[in-house]
Amino acid sequence: MKRFEQWLLTLVVFHAFLLIIVQALMLHTDFSLYVQPVYEYFGIGKSLETNIVETIDRIFSDVLSF
């Protein structure tokens, strides 16, 4: 069991180290320029609030337009 815990702790430390390295790459290099269009393509960075407001306005205009 001690061997498994040691192996697991090594994986956790290695994973934390990789996360810090990738975060530094994203903040201090041009790496984010290559990754950012992917987020925009999938629509992650877009706000859905405007779509909801437009949909509600469209519903009210259709219902109230005798």
Protein backbone atom coordinates (compact mmCIF):
# COMPACT_ATOMS: atom_id res chain seq x y z
CA MET A 1 0.00 0.00 0.00
CA LYS A 2 2.88 2.34 0.76
CA ARG A 3 4.25 1.81 -2.74
CA PHE A 4 0.90 2.75 -4.28
CA GLU A 5 0.67 5.91 -2.16
CA GLN A 6 4.17 6.91 -3.17
CA TRP A 7 3.32 6.34 -6.84
CA LEU A 8 0.10 8.33 -6.50
CA LEU A 9 1.88 11.21 -4.77
CA THR A 10 4.46 11.26 -7.56
CA LEU A 11 1.71 11.50 -10.16
CA VAL A 12 -0.02 14.34 -8.30
CA VAL A 13 3.20 16.33 -7.99
CA PHE A 14 4.05 15.73 -11.65
CA HIS A 15 0.56 16.82 -12.70
CA ALA A 16 0.78 20.00 -10.60
CA PHE A 17 4.17 20.77 -12.14
CA LEU A 18 2.75 20.35 -15.66
CA LEU A 19 -0.21 22.60 -14.84
CA ILE A 20 2.12 25.35 -13.63
CA ILE A 21 4.29 25.03 -16.76
CA VAL A 22 1.28 25.23 -19.09
CA GLN A 23 -0.12 28.21 -17.18
CA ALA A 24 3.22 30.00 -17.56
CA LEU A 25 3.19 29.21 -21.30
CA MET A 26 -0.31 30.61 -21.65
CA LEU A 27 0.49 33.83 -19.79
CA HIS A 28 4.00 34.68 -20.95
CA THR A 29 4.30 33.40 -24.52
CA ASP A 30 2.37 33.51 -27.79
CA PHE A 31 0.97 30.04 -27.12
CA SER A 32 -2.42 31.52 -26.23
CA LEU A 33 -2.72 33.02 -29.73
CA TYR A 34 -2.79 29.50 -31.14
CA VAL A 35 -5.23 28.15 -28.56
CA GLN A 36 -7.64 31.11 -28.31
CA PRO A 37 -9.30 30.64 -31.74
CA VAL A 38 -10.26 27.13 -30.66
CA TYR A 39 -12.21 28.50 -27.71
CA GLU A 40 -13.93 31.06 -29.92
CA TYR A 41 -14.81 28.37 -32.46
CA PHE A 42 -16.53 26.21 -29.86
CA GLY A 43 -18.35 29.25 -28.41
CA ILE A 44 -16.98 28.88 -24.91
CA GLY A 45 -16.04 32.53 -24.52
CA LYS A 46 -19.31 33.91 -25.82
CA SER A 47 -21.97 35.21 -23.48
CA LEU A 48 -25.32 33.49 -23.78
CA GLU A 49 -27.12 36.29 -21.98
CA THR A 50 -27.59 38.36 -25.13
CA ASN A 51 -29.13 35.42 -26.97
CA ILE A 52 -31.64 34.90 -24.18
CA VAL A 53 -32.62 38.57 -24.17
CA GLU A 54 -33.00 38.56 -27.96
CA THR A 55 -35.15 35.42 -27.80
CA ILE A 56 -37.40 36.89 -25.10
CA ASP A 57 -37.75 40.12 -27.11
CA ARG A 58 -38.64 38.13 -30.22
CA ILE A 59 -41.28 36.13 -28.32
CA PHE A 60 -42.88 39.28 -26.90
CA SER A 61 -42.86 41.03 -30.26
CA ASP A 62 -44.51 38.03 -31.93
CA VAL A 63 -47.15 37.68 -29.23
CA LEU A 64 -47.94 41.38 -28.93
CA SER A 65 -47.94 42.18 -32.65
CA PHE A 66 -51.66 41.90 -33.28
